[in-house]
N, C-alpha and C. Protein backbone atom coordinates (compact mmCIF):
# COMPACT_ATOMS: atom_id res chain seq x y z
N MET A 1 10.14 -17.77 -4.00
CA MET A 1 9.22 -17.19 -3.05
C MET A 1 9.90 -17.11 -1.69
N THR A 2 9.73 -15.99 -1.02
CA THR A 2 10.34 -15.77 0.27
C THR A 2 9.49 -16.38 1.37
N THR A 3 10.14 -17.08 2.29
CA THR A 3 9.43 -17.65 3.42
C THR A 3 9.56 -16.71 4.60
N MET A 4 8.44 -16.40 5.22
CA MET A 4 8.43 -15.52 6.37
C MET A 4 8.79 -16.33 7.61
N THR A 5 9.65 -15.81 8.43
CA THR A 5 10.00 -16.45 9.68
C THR A 5 9.57 -15.55 10.83
N ALA A 6 9.32 -16.16 11.97
CA ALA A 6 8.89 -15.38 13.13
C ALA A 6 10.05 -14.55 13.65
N LEU A 7 9.73 -13.38 14.15
CA LEU A 7 10.74 -12.55 14.77
C LEU A 7 11.07 -13.11 16.14
N PRO A 8 12.31 -12.99 16.58
CA PRO A 8 12.66 -13.48 17.91
C PRO A 8 11.78 -12.83 18.97
N GLY A 9 11.26 -13.66 19.86
CA GLY A 9 10.42 -13.16 20.94
C GLY A 9 8.94 -13.09 20.60
N TYR A 10 8.57 -13.44 19.35
CA TYR A 10 7.16 -13.40 18.94
C TYR A 10 6.75 -14.77 18.41
N ASP A 11 5.48 -15.08 18.54
CA ASP A 11 4.97 -16.38 18.11
C ASP A 11 5.07 -16.54 16.60
N ALA A 12 5.11 -17.79 16.16
CA ALA A 12 5.33 -18.10 14.75
C ALA A 12 4.18 -17.63 13.85
N ASP A 13 2.95 -17.61 14.34
CA ASP A 13 1.83 -17.21 13.49
C ASP A 13 1.68 -15.70 13.38
N GLY A 14 2.46 -14.96 14.16
CA GLY A 14 2.47 -13.51 14.04
C GLY A 14 1.39 -12.79 14.82
N ALA A 15 0.57 -13.51 15.57
CA ALA A 15 -0.54 -12.88 16.30
C ALA A 15 -0.03 -11.86 17.32
N GLU A 16 1.02 -12.20 18.03
CA GLU A 16 1.56 -11.27 19.02
C GLU A 16 2.15 -10.03 18.34
N LEU A 17 2.82 -10.24 17.23
CA LEU A 17 3.39 -9.12 16.49
C LEU A 17 2.28 -8.23 15.93
N ASP A 18 1.22 -8.84 15.41
CA ASP A 18 0.07 -8.07 14.93
C ASP A 18 -0.54 -7.25 16.05
N ALA A 19 -0.65 -7.83 17.24
CA ALA A 19 -1.20 -7.10 18.38
C ALA A 19 -0.31 -5.91 18.73
N LEU A 20 1.00 -6.09 18.67
CA LEU A 20 1.93 -5.01 18.95
C LEU A 20 1.79 -3.89 17.92
N VAL A 21 1.69 -4.25 16.65
CA VAL A 21 1.52 -3.25 15.60
C VAL A 21 0.21 -2.49 15.81
N ASP A 22 -0.86 -3.21 16.16
CA ASP A 22 -2.14 -2.55 16.45
C ASP A 22 -2.00 -1.57 17.61
N GLN A 23 -1.25 -1.97 18.62
CA GLN A 23 -1.05 -1.11 19.78
C GLN A 23 -0.28 0.17 19.38
N VAL A 24 0.74 0.01 18.57
CA VAL A 24 1.56 1.15 18.16
C VAL A 24 0.80 2.07 17.21
N LEU A 25 0.11 1.50 16.23
CA LEU A 25 -0.57 2.31 15.24
C LEU A 25 -1.91 2.87 15.73
N GLY A 26 -2.50 2.21 16.70
CA GLY A 26 -3.81 2.68 17.18
C GLY A 26 -4.84 2.62 16.07
N THR A 27 -5.51 3.74 15.82
CA THR A 27 -6.56 3.77 14.79
C THR A 27 -6.03 4.15 13.42
N ARG A 28 -4.72 4.44 13.31
CA ARG A 28 -4.14 4.76 12.01
C ARG A 28 -4.17 3.53 11.10
N PRO A 29 -4.34 3.76 9.80
CA PRO A 29 -4.36 2.62 8.88
C PRO A 29 -3.02 1.88 8.87
N ARG A 30 -3.08 0.58 8.76
CA ARG A 30 -1.86 -0.23 8.64
C ARG A 30 -1.35 -0.18 7.22
N PRO A 31 -0.04 -0.30 7.04
CA PRO A 31 0.49 -0.37 5.67
C PRO A 31 -0.11 -1.57 4.94
N ILE A 32 -0.26 -1.44 3.65
CA ILE A 32 -0.84 -2.51 2.84
C ILE A 32 0.28 -3.42 2.36
N ASP A 33 0.14 -4.70 2.59
CA ASP A 33 1.10 -5.68 2.10
C ASP A 33 0.57 -6.20 0.77
N TRP A 34 0.88 -5.49 -0.30
CA TRP A 34 0.33 -5.80 -1.62
C TRP A 34 0.66 -7.21 -2.07
N ALA A 35 1.80 -7.73 -1.67
CA ALA A 35 2.21 -9.08 -2.10
C ALA A 35 1.30 -10.16 -1.54
N ARG A 36 0.62 -9.87 -0.44
CA ARG A 36 -0.24 -10.88 0.19
C ARG A 36 -1.73 -10.69 -0.10
N LEU A 37 -2.07 -9.63 -0.82
CA LEU A 37 -3.49 -9.38 -1.11
C LEU A 37 -4.04 -10.41 -2.08
N GLU A 38 -5.27 -10.78 -1.86
CA GLU A 38 -5.99 -11.68 -2.75
C GLU A 38 -7.30 -11.02 -3.13
N GLU A 39 -7.93 -11.54 -4.18
CA GLU A 39 -9.23 -11.00 -4.59
C GLU A 39 -10.25 -11.27 -3.50
N PRO A 40 -11.20 -10.41 -3.27
CA PRO A 40 -11.51 -9.18 -3.97
C PRO A 40 -10.76 -7.96 -3.41
N GLU A 41 -10.03 -8.13 -2.31
CA GLU A 41 -9.34 -6.98 -1.70
C GLU A 41 -8.29 -6.38 -2.63
N LEU A 42 -7.63 -7.21 -3.43
CA LEU A 42 -6.62 -6.70 -4.36
C LEU A 42 -7.25 -5.73 -5.35
N SER A 43 -8.38 -6.10 -5.93
CA SER A 43 -9.07 -5.20 -6.87
C SER A 43 -9.53 -3.93 -6.18
N GLU A 44 -10.01 -4.06 -4.97
CA GLU A 44 -10.46 -2.89 -4.21
C GLU A 44 -9.31 -1.92 -3.94
N GLN A 45 -8.13 -2.46 -3.60
CA GLN A 45 -6.97 -1.62 -3.34
C GLN A 45 -6.47 -0.96 -4.62
N TRP A 46 -6.49 -1.68 -5.74
CA TRP A 46 -6.09 -1.08 -7.02
C TRP A 46 -7.04 0.06 -7.39
N GLU A 47 -8.33 -0.15 -7.17
CA GLU A 47 -9.31 0.89 -7.48
C GLU A 47 -9.09 2.11 -6.58
N ALA A 48 -8.82 1.86 -5.31
CA ALA A 48 -8.57 2.97 -4.38
C ALA A 48 -7.30 3.73 -4.77
N LEU A 49 -6.25 3.00 -5.18
CA LEU A 49 -5.01 3.65 -5.60
C LEU A 49 -5.23 4.47 -6.86
N ASP A 50 -5.97 3.93 -7.81
CA ASP A 50 -6.27 4.66 -9.04
C ASP A 50 -7.04 5.94 -8.73
N THR A 51 -8.00 5.86 -7.84
CA THR A 51 -8.76 7.04 -7.42
C THR A 51 -7.84 8.07 -6.80
N TRP A 52 -6.92 7.62 -5.95
CA TRP A 52 -6.00 8.54 -5.29
C TRP A 52 -5.05 9.21 -6.31
N VAL A 53 -4.54 8.42 -7.26
CA VAL A 53 -3.64 8.98 -8.27
C VAL A 53 -4.38 10.03 -9.10
N ARG A 54 -5.63 9.74 -9.46
CA ARG A 54 -6.42 10.72 -10.22
C ARG A 54 -6.63 11.99 -9.40
N TRP A 55 -6.88 11.84 -8.10
CA TRP A 55 -7.03 13.01 -7.23
C TRP A 55 -5.71 13.80 -7.21
N LEU A 56 -4.59 13.10 -7.06
CA LEU A 56 -3.28 13.75 -7.01
C LEU A 56 -3.02 14.56 -8.27
N VAL A 57 -3.28 13.98 -9.42
CA VAL A 57 -3.06 14.65 -10.70
C VAL A 57 -3.91 15.91 -10.80
N THR A 58 -5.17 15.80 -10.38
CA THR A 58 -6.07 16.95 -10.44
C THR A 58 -5.68 18.01 -9.41
N ARG A 59 -5.43 17.59 -8.18
CA ARG A 59 -5.14 18.52 -7.09
C ARG A 59 -3.90 19.36 -7.36
N TYR A 60 -2.86 18.73 -7.91
CA TYR A 60 -1.60 19.43 -8.12
C TYR A 60 -1.32 19.78 -9.58
N CYS A 61 -2.36 19.69 -10.40
CA CYS A 61 -2.27 20.06 -11.83
C CYS A 61 -1.08 19.39 -12.51
N LEU A 62 -0.93 18.10 -12.30
CA LEU A 62 0.18 17.36 -12.92
C LEU A 62 -0.21 16.98 -14.34
N ASP A 63 0.76 16.97 -15.22
CA ASP A 63 0.45 16.56 -16.59
C ASP A 63 1.08 15.20 -16.90
N HIS A 64 0.93 14.78 -18.15
CA HIS A 64 1.38 13.45 -18.56
C HIS A 64 2.88 13.24 -18.43
N ARG A 65 3.65 14.32 -18.31
CA ARG A 65 5.09 14.16 -18.13
C ARG A 65 5.42 13.74 -16.70
N GLU A 66 4.59 14.14 -15.74
CA GLU A 66 4.83 13.76 -14.35
C GLU A 66 4.16 12.42 -14.02
N ILE A 67 2.90 12.30 -14.38
CA ILE A 67 2.17 11.04 -14.16
C ILE A 67 1.42 10.72 -15.46
N PRO A 68 1.97 9.81 -16.25
CA PRO A 68 1.30 9.49 -17.52
C PRO A 68 0.02 8.68 -17.28
N PRO A 69 -0.91 8.70 -18.23
CA PRO A 69 -2.14 7.94 -18.08
C PRO A 69 -1.90 6.44 -17.89
N CYS A 70 -0.75 5.97 -18.37
CA CYS A 70 -0.42 4.54 -18.25
C CYS A 70 0.44 4.27 -17.01
N TRP A 71 0.33 5.09 -15.97
CA TRP A 71 1.17 4.97 -14.77
C TRP A 71 1.12 3.56 -14.19
N ALA A 72 -0.03 2.91 -14.28
CA ALA A 72 -0.19 1.58 -13.67
C ALA A 72 0.58 0.49 -14.41
N GLU A 73 1.20 0.83 -15.53
CA GLU A 73 2.01 -0.12 -16.28
C GLU A 73 3.50 0.04 -16.00
N HIS A 74 3.84 0.95 -15.09
CA HIS A 74 5.24 1.24 -14.78
C HIS A 74 5.51 0.94 -13.31
N GLY A 75 6.31 -0.07 -13.07
CA GLY A 75 6.60 -0.51 -11.70
C GLY A 75 7.06 0.58 -10.76
N ASP A 76 7.93 1.47 -11.25
CA ASP A 76 8.42 2.53 -10.37
C ASP A 76 7.31 3.51 -10.00
N LEU A 77 6.44 3.83 -10.95
CA LEU A 77 5.32 4.74 -10.64
C LEU A 77 4.31 4.08 -9.72
N ILE A 78 4.11 2.79 -9.88
CA ILE A 78 3.21 2.06 -8.98
C ILE A 78 3.76 2.11 -7.57
N ALA A 79 5.04 1.81 -7.42
CA ALA A 79 5.65 1.79 -6.08
C ALA A 79 5.61 3.16 -5.43
N HIS A 80 5.97 4.20 -6.18
CA HIS A 80 5.95 5.55 -5.63
C HIS A 80 4.52 5.99 -5.29
N SER A 81 3.58 5.64 -6.14
CA SER A 81 2.19 6.01 -5.88
C SER A 81 1.65 5.32 -4.64
N ARG A 82 1.98 4.03 -4.48
CA ARG A 82 1.52 3.30 -3.29
C ARG A 82 2.08 3.93 -2.03
N CYS A 83 3.36 4.23 -2.03
CA CYS A 83 3.97 4.83 -0.85
C CYS A 83 3.37 6.20 -0.55
N ALA A 84 3.24 7.02 -1.57
CA ALA A 84 2.69 8.36 -1.37
C ALA A 84 1.25 8.30 -0.87
N ALA A 85 0.46 7.41 -1.44
CA ALA A 85 -0.94 7.29 -1.03
C ALA A 85 -1.04 6.83 0.42
N GLU A 86 -0.25 5.85 0.80
CA GLU A 86 -0.30 5.34 2.18
C GLU A 86 0.15 6.41 3.17
N HIS A 87 1.13 7.20 2.82
CA HIS A 87 1.63 8.23 3.73
C HIS A 87 0.73 9.45 3.76
N HIS A 88 -0.03 9.63 2.68
CA HIS A 88 -0.95 10.76 2.63
C HIS A 88 -2.12 10.56 3.60
N LEU A 89 -2.51 9.32 3.79
CA LEU A 89 -3.62 9.02 4.70
C LEU A 89 -3.21 9.34 6.11
């Protein structure tokens, strides 16, 4: 397991860094740190991602060769879908 360390010039608990990120992003959604999600937010994010992938498949007429129904069982498709969904917002 990786231990997070404070960035130079910022407090160890990350509050100052969080404030800076809020200032930079404004009202835009923050990136999701999937590794730190816990229930029930983890289930909510998976449901939202599944909804987005279904929208993507329908919107762009993708078939099972591009996004198979079992996409959530493939790490590379999960990673690409998460990135695409976050950037689409």
